[in-house]
Amino acid sequence: MTTDGPTWLTADEMRAWRALHAVVVVLPAALDVQLQRDAQISHLEYYALAGLSERPDRTLRLSDLAILTGAELSRISHLVARLEKRGLVLRRPDPDDARYTNAVLTEQGWEKVQAAAPGHVATVRSLIFDGLDPAGLRELQNTADRIVAALSLSGLPLAPTIRKALHPPA
């Protein structure tokens, strides 16, 4: 006998889903509070600046920065404009294709990331990693990798590129 209705979550699956949902909702807010308090930047601003800082030339197309941060291109464009006014980034035409715009981390932006990073890392460590033993860390990594792999197959336009954005070239 087959049913045409949905396969509902089990009680254990529902508890796990609610816990994951809480992490997805509350963790960014907690990180934002810490970064606003300690570095006067938002979590999104920090993540964009940190993403640029990890590139060999501290440069990334706005469209790739949008993918990396999980923000829409229009939001990243406005964010980069605000960061540019603060002297943290520059916008430049992409030398490989002038139809695109690159964000370039300035020296002042690099200094901002370096100043904000210790507090941010301490917060991430205390909220996530301090409660994990090595086996728990491996389990978290494996679980996150499986979820990202499933998202890559979801058909969402940005999902296949998120893995590339999460693992920048050396």
C-alpha atoms as a PDB file:
ATOM      1  CA  MET A   1       0.000   0.000   0.000  1.00  0.00           C
ATOM      2  CA  THR A   2       1.431   3.358  -1.021  1.00  0.00           C
ATOM      3  CA  THR A   3       0.411   6.704   0.295  1.00  0.00           C
ATOM      4  CA  ASP A   4       0.361   9.869  -1.708  1.00  0.00           C
ATOM      5  CA  GLY A   5       0.861  12.144   1.286  1.00  0.00           C
ATOM      6  CA  PRO A   6       4.071  13.464   2.782  1.00  0.00           C
ATOM      7  CA  THR A   7       6.385  11.353   4.868  1.00  0.00           C
ATOM      8  CA  TRP A   8       6.239  13.265   8.139  1.00  0.00           C
ATOM      9  CA  LEU A   9       9.280  13.694  10.341  1.00  0.00           C
ATOM     10  CA  THR A  10       9.674  11.290  13.202  1.00  0.00           C
ATOM     11  CA  ALA A  11       9.824  12.700  16.724  1.00  0.00           C
ATOM     12  CA  ASP A  12      13.640  12.372  16.704  1.00  0.00           C
ATOM     13  CA  GLU A  13      13.897  14.015  13.271  1.00  0.00           C
ATOM     14  CA  MET A  14      11.626  16.853  14.431  1.00  0.00           C
ATOM     15  CA  ARG A  15      13.804  17.488  17.496  1.00  0.00           C
ATOM     16  CA  ALA A  16      16.937  17.516  15.311  1.00  0.00           C
ATOM     17  CA  TRP A  17      15.270  19.804  12.755  1.00  0.00           C
ATOM     18  CA  ARG A  18      14.155  22.259  15.437  1.00  0.00           C
ATOM     19  CA  ALA A  19      17.650  22.297  16.949  1.00  0.00           C
ATOM     20  CA  LEU A  20      19.227  22.935  13.531  1.00  0.00           C
ATOM     21  CA  HIS A  21      16.660  25.638  12.789  1.00  0.00           C
ATOM     22  CA  ALA A  22      17.486  27.329  16.100  1.00  0.00           C
ATOM     23  CA  VAL A  23      21.178  27.304  15.167  1.00  0.00           C
ATOM     24  CA  VAL A  24      20.435  28.778  11.732  1.00  0.00           C
ATOM     25  CA  VAL A  25      18.334  31.560  13.266  1.00  0.00           C
ATOM     26  CA  VAL A  26      20.106  32.375  16.537  1.00  0.00           C
ATOM     27  CA  LEU A  27      23.802  31.871  15.699  1.00  0.00           C
ATOM     28  CA  PRO A  28      24.005  34.688  13.105  1.00  0.00           C
ATOM     29  CA  ALA A  29      22.277  37.033  15.556  1.00  0.00           C
ATOM     30  CA  ALA A  30      24.726  36.118  18.341  1.00  0.00           C
ATOM     31  CA  LEU A  31      27.684  36.666  16.016  1.00  0.00           C
ATOM     32  CA  ASP A  32      26.222  39.978  14.877  1.00  0.00           C
ATOM     33  CA  VAL A  33      25.828  41.204  18.466  1.00  0.00           C
ATOM     34  CA  GLN A  34      29.456  40.407  19.276  1.00  0.00           C
ATOM     35  CA  LEU A  35      30.833  41.994  16.101  1.00  0.00           C
ATOM     36  CA  GLN A  36      28.694  45.128  16.466  1.00  0.00           C
ATOM     37  CA  ARG A  37      29.768  45.499  20.108  1.00  0.00           C
ATOM     38  CA  ASP A  38      33.470  44.797  19.644  1.00  0.00           C
ATOM     39  CA  ALA A  39      34.248  45.943  16.097  1.00  0.00           C
ATOM     40  CA  GLN A  40      31.319  48.154  15.029  1.00  0.00           C
ATOM     41  CA  ILE A  41      30.595  45.973  11.996  1.00  0.00           C
ATOM     42  CA  SER A  42      27.800  43.557  11.207  1.00  0.00           C
ATOM     43  CA  HIS A  43      28.264  39.830  10.783  1.00  0.00           C
ATOM     44  CA  LEU A  44      27.608  40.224   7.043  1.00  0.00           C
ATOM     45  CA  GLU A  45      30.193  43.011   6.784  1.00  0.00           C
ATOM     46  CA  TYR A  46      32.743  40.918   8.663  1.00  0.00           C
ATOM     47  CA  TYR A  47      32.067  37.857   6.539  1.00  0.00           C
ATOM     48  CA  ALA A  48      32.471  39.893   3.344  1.00  0.00           C
ATOM     49  CA  LEU A  49      35.717  41.486   4.564  1.00  0.00           C
ATOM     50  CA  ALA A  50      37.046  38.146   5.817  1.00  0.00           C
ATOM     51  CA  GLY A  51      36.148  36.505   2.491  1.00  0.00           C
ATOM     52  CA  LEU A  52      38.137  39.154   0.650  1.00  0.00           C
ATOM     53  CA  SER A  53      41.040  38.819   3.087  1.00  0.00           C
ATOM     54  CA  GLU A  54      41.340  35.096   2.309  1.00  0.00           C
ATOM     55  CA  ARG A  55      41.893  35.688  -1.400  1.00  0.00           C
ATOM     56  CA  PRO A  56      45.524  35.953  -2.559  1.00  0.00           C
ATOM     57  CA  ASP A  57      44.900  39.359  -4.137  1.00  0.00           C
ATOM     58  CA  ARG A  58      42.160  40.335  -1.629  1.00  0.00           C
ATOM     59  CA  THR A  59      39.809  40.719  -4.605  1.00  0.00           C
ATOM     60  CA  LEU A  60      36.526  39.055  -5.519  1.00  0.00           C
ATOM     61  CA  ARG A  61      33.731  39.721  -7.980  1.00  0.00           C
ATOM     62  CA  LEU A  62      30.642  41.118  -6.311  1.00  0.00           C
ATOM     63  CA  SER A  63      28.628  38.189  -7.670  1.00  0.00           C
ATOM     64  CA  ASP A  64      31.035  35.712  -6.036  1.00  0.00           C
ATOM     65  CA  LEU A  65      30.994  37.710  -2.809  1.00  0.00           C
ATOM     66  CA  ALA A  66      27.200  37.467  -2.843  1.00  0.00           C
ATOM     67  CA  ILE A  67      27.432  33.686  -3.136  1.00  0.00           C
ATOM     68  CA  LEU A  68      30.051  33.488  -0.397  1.00  0.00           C
ATOM     69  CA  THR A  69      27.968  35.527   2.026  1.00  0.00           C
ATOM     70  CA  GLY A  70      24.604  34.077   1.043  1.00  0.00           C
ATOM     71  CA  ALA A  71      23.273  37.543   0.258  1.00  0.00           C
ATOM     72  CA  GLU A  72      21.535  38.758  -2.874  1.00  0.00           C
ATOM     73  CA  LEU A  73      23.690  40.661  -5.336  1.00  0.00           C
ATOM     74  CA  SER A  74      21.783  43.909  -4.757  1.00  0.00           C
ATOM     75  CA  ARG A  75      22.359  43.634  -1.003  1.00  0.00           C
ATOM     76  CA  ILE A  76      26.083  42.985  -1.511  1.00  0.00           C
ATOM     77  CA  SER A  77      26.307  45.913  -3.908  1.00  0.00           C
ATOM     78  CA  HIS A  78      24.826  48.232  -1.259  1.00  0.00           C
ATOM     79  CA  LEU A  79      27.005  46.695   1.456  1.00  0.00           C
ATOM     80  CA  VAL A  80      30.175  47.171  -0.614  1.00  0.00           C
ATOM     81  CA  ALA A  81      29.177  50.775  -1.317  1.00  0.00           C
ATOM     82  CA  ARG A  82      28.877  51.381   2.454  1.00  0.00           C
ATOM     83  CA  LEU A  83      32.202  49.656   3.096  1.00  0.00           C
ATOM     84  CA  GLU A  84      33.798  51.742   0.356  1.00  0.00           C
ATOM     85  CA  LYS A  85      32.582  54.951   2.030  1.00  0.00           C
ATOM     86  CA  ARG A  86      34.287  53.754   5.220  1.00  0.00           C
ATOM     87  CA  GLY A  87      37.538  53.117   3.317  1.00  0.00           C
ATOM     88  CA  LEU A  88      37.437  49.345   3.877  1.00  0.00           C
ATOM     89  CA  VAL A  89      37.030  48.250   0.245  1.00  0.00           C
ATOM     90  CA  LEU A  90      37.302  49.636  -3.261  1.00  0.00           C
ATOM     91  CA  ARG A  91      35.141  48.795  -6.242  1.00  0.00           C
ATOM     92  CA  ARG A  92      36.991  48.214  -9.490  1.00  0.00           C
ATOM     93  CA  PRO A  93      35.997  46.886 -12.915  1.00  0.00           C
ATOM     94  CA  ASP A  94      37.025  43.262 -13.352  1.00  0.00           C
ATOM     95  CA  PRO A  95      40.101  43.336 -15.640  1.00  0.00           C
ATOM     96  CA  ASP A  96      39.052  39.996 -17.157  1.00  0.00           C
ATOM     97  CA  ASP A  97      35.509  41.128 -17.971  1.00  0.00           C
ATOM     98  CA  ALA A  98      34.503  44.776 -17.551  1.00  0.00           C
ATOM     99  CA  ARG A  99      30.840  43.752 -17.256  1.00  0.00           C
ATOM    100  CA  TYR A 100      31.665  42.662 -13.696  1.00  0.00           C
ATOM    101  CA  THR A 101      32.730  44.671 -10.665  1.00  0.00           C
ATOM    102  CA  ASN A 102      35.302  43.505  -8.173  1.00  0.00           C
ATOM    103  CA  ALA A 103      35.492  44.331  -4.496  1.00  0.00           C
ATOM    104  CA  VAL A 104      39.072  44.920  -3.336  1.00  0.00           C
ATOM    105  CA  LEU A 105      40.006  44.916   0.344  1.00  0.00           C
ATOM    106  CA  THR A 106      41.976  48.022   1.292  1.00  0.00           C
ATOM    107  CA  GLU A 107      44.753  48.144   3.863  1.00  0.00           C
ATOM    108  CA  GLN A 108      42.282  49.763   6.269  1.00  0.00           C
ATOM    109  CA  GLY A 109      39.854  46.888   5.577  1.00  0.00           C
ATOM    110  CA  TRP A 110      42.623  44.364   6.223  1.00  0.00           C
ATOM    111  CA  GLU A 111      43.357  46.067   9.551  1.00  0.00           C
ATOM    112  CA  LYS A 112      39.633  45.962  10.433  1.00  0.00           C
ATOM    113  CA  VAL A 113      39.470  42.213   9.769  1.00  0.00           C
ATOM    114  CA  GLN A 114      42.624  41.614  11.805  1.00  0.00           C
ATOM    115  CA  ALA A 115      41.251  43.654  14.714  1.00  0.00           C
ATOM    116  CA  ALA A 116      37.816  41.969  14.621  1.00  0.00           C
ATOM    117  CA  ALA A 117      39.005  38.394  14.088  1.00  0.00           C
ATOM    118  CA  PRO A 118      40.216  37.508  17.613  1.00  0.00           C
ATOM    119  CA  GLY A 119      36.895  38.396  19.255  1.00  0.00           C
ATOM    120  CA  HIS A 120      34.918  36.741  16.482  1.00  0.00           C
ATOM    121  CA  VAL A 121      36.958  33.539  16.688  1.00  0.00           C
ATOM    122  CA  ALA A 122      36.618  33.498  20.482  1.00  0.00           C
ATOM    123  CA  THR A 123      32.843  33.792  20.123  1.00  0.00           C
ATOM    124  CA  VAL A 124      32.666  31.038  17.492  1.00  0.00           C
ATOM    125  CA  ARG A 125      34.873  28.850  19.671  1.00  0.00           C
ATOM    126  CA  SER A 126      32.753  29.393  22.794  1.00  0.00           C
ATOM    127  CA  LEU A 127      29.410  28.932  21.021  1.00  0.00           C
ATOM    128  CA  ILE A 128      30.339  25.933  18.860  1.00  0.00           C
ATOM    129  CA  PHE A 129      33.660  24.227  19.390  1.00  0.00           C
ATOM    130  CA  ASP A 130      34.313  24.374  23.137  1.00  0.00           C
ATOM    131  CA  GLY A 131      31.442  21.934  23.698  1.00  0.00           C
ATOM    132  CA  LEU A 132      32.785  19.361  21.225  1.00  0.00           C
ATOM    133  CA  ASP A 133      35.351  16.656  21.715  1.00  0.00           C
ATOM    134  CA  PRO A 134      37.352  15.470  18.664  1.00  0.00           C
ATOM    135  CA  ALA A 135      34.687  12.885  17.767  1.00  0.00           C
ATOM    136  CA  GLY A 136      31.957  15.530  18.013  1.00  0.00           C
ATOM    137  CA  LEU A 137      33.966  17.863  15.790  1.00  0.00           C
ATOM    138  CA  ARG A 138      34.348  15.132  13.143  1.00  0.00           C
ATOM    139  CA  GLU A 139      30.625  14.369  13.411  1.00  0.00           C
ATOM    140  CA  LEU A 140      29.728  18.050  12.994  1.00  0.00           C
ATOM    141  CA  GLN A 141      32.010  18.328   9.937  1.00  0.00           C
ATOM    142  CA  ASN A 142      30.634  15.148   8.364  1.00  0.00           C
ATOM    143  CA  THR A 143      27.038  16.199   8.992  1.00  0.00           C
ATOM    144  CA  ALA A 144      27.598  19.687   7.592  1.00  0.00           C
ATOM    145  CA  ASP A 145      29.354  18.227   4.533  1.00  0.00           C
ATOM    146  CA  ARG A 146      26.408  15.894   3.874  1.00  0.00           C
ATOM    147  CA  ILE A 147      23.916  18.759   4.188  1.00  0.00           C
ATOM    148  CA  VAL A 148      25.964  20.966   1.823  1.00  0.00           C
ATOM    149  CA  ALA A 149      26.207  18.047  -0.650  1.00  0.00           C
ATOM    150  CA  ALA A 150      22.427  17.613  -0.555  1.00  0.00           C
ATOM    151  CA  LEU A 151      21.951  21.359  -1.037  1.00  0.00           C
ATOM    152  CA  SER A 152      24.294  21.210  -4.036  1.00  0.00           C
ATOM    153  CA  LEU A 153      21.852  18.791  -5.667  1.00  0.00           C
ATOM    154  CA  SER A 154      18.742  20.757  -4.722  1.00  0.00           C
ATOM    155  CA  GLY A 155      18.402  22.667  -7.976  1.00  0.00           C
ATOM    156  CA  LEU A 156      18.797  26.043  -6.281  1.00  0.00           C
ATOM    157  CA  PRO A 157      20.723  28.351  -8.610  1.00  0.00           C
ATOM    158  CA  LEU A 158      23.439  29.212  -6.088  1.00  0.00           C
ATOM    159  CA  ALA A 159      23.714  25.866  -4.298  1.00  0.00           C
ATOM    160  CA  PRO A 160      26.294  24.186  -6.594  1.00  0.00           C
ATOM    161  CA  THR A 161      28.667  27.138  -6.282  1.00  0.00           C
ATOM    162  CA  ILE A 162      28.539  27.391  -2.488  1.00  0.00           C
ATOM    163  CA  ARG A 163      31.019  24.543  -2.076  1.00  0.00           C
ATOM    164  CA  LYS A 164      33.507  26.408  -4.275  1.00  0.00           C
ATOM    165  CA  ALA A 165      32.926  29.602  -2.286  1.00  0.00           C
ATOM    166  CA  LEU A 166      33.418  27.775   1.014  1.00  0.00           C
ATOM    167  CA  HIS A 167      36.733  26.327  -0.135  1.00  0.00           C
ATOM    168  CA  PRO A 168      38.657  29.167  -1.825  1.00  0.00           C
ATOM    169  CA  PRO A 169      41.716  28.382  -3.946  1.00  0.00           C
ATOM    170  CA  ALA A 170      45.020  28.540  -2.129  1.00  0.00           C
END
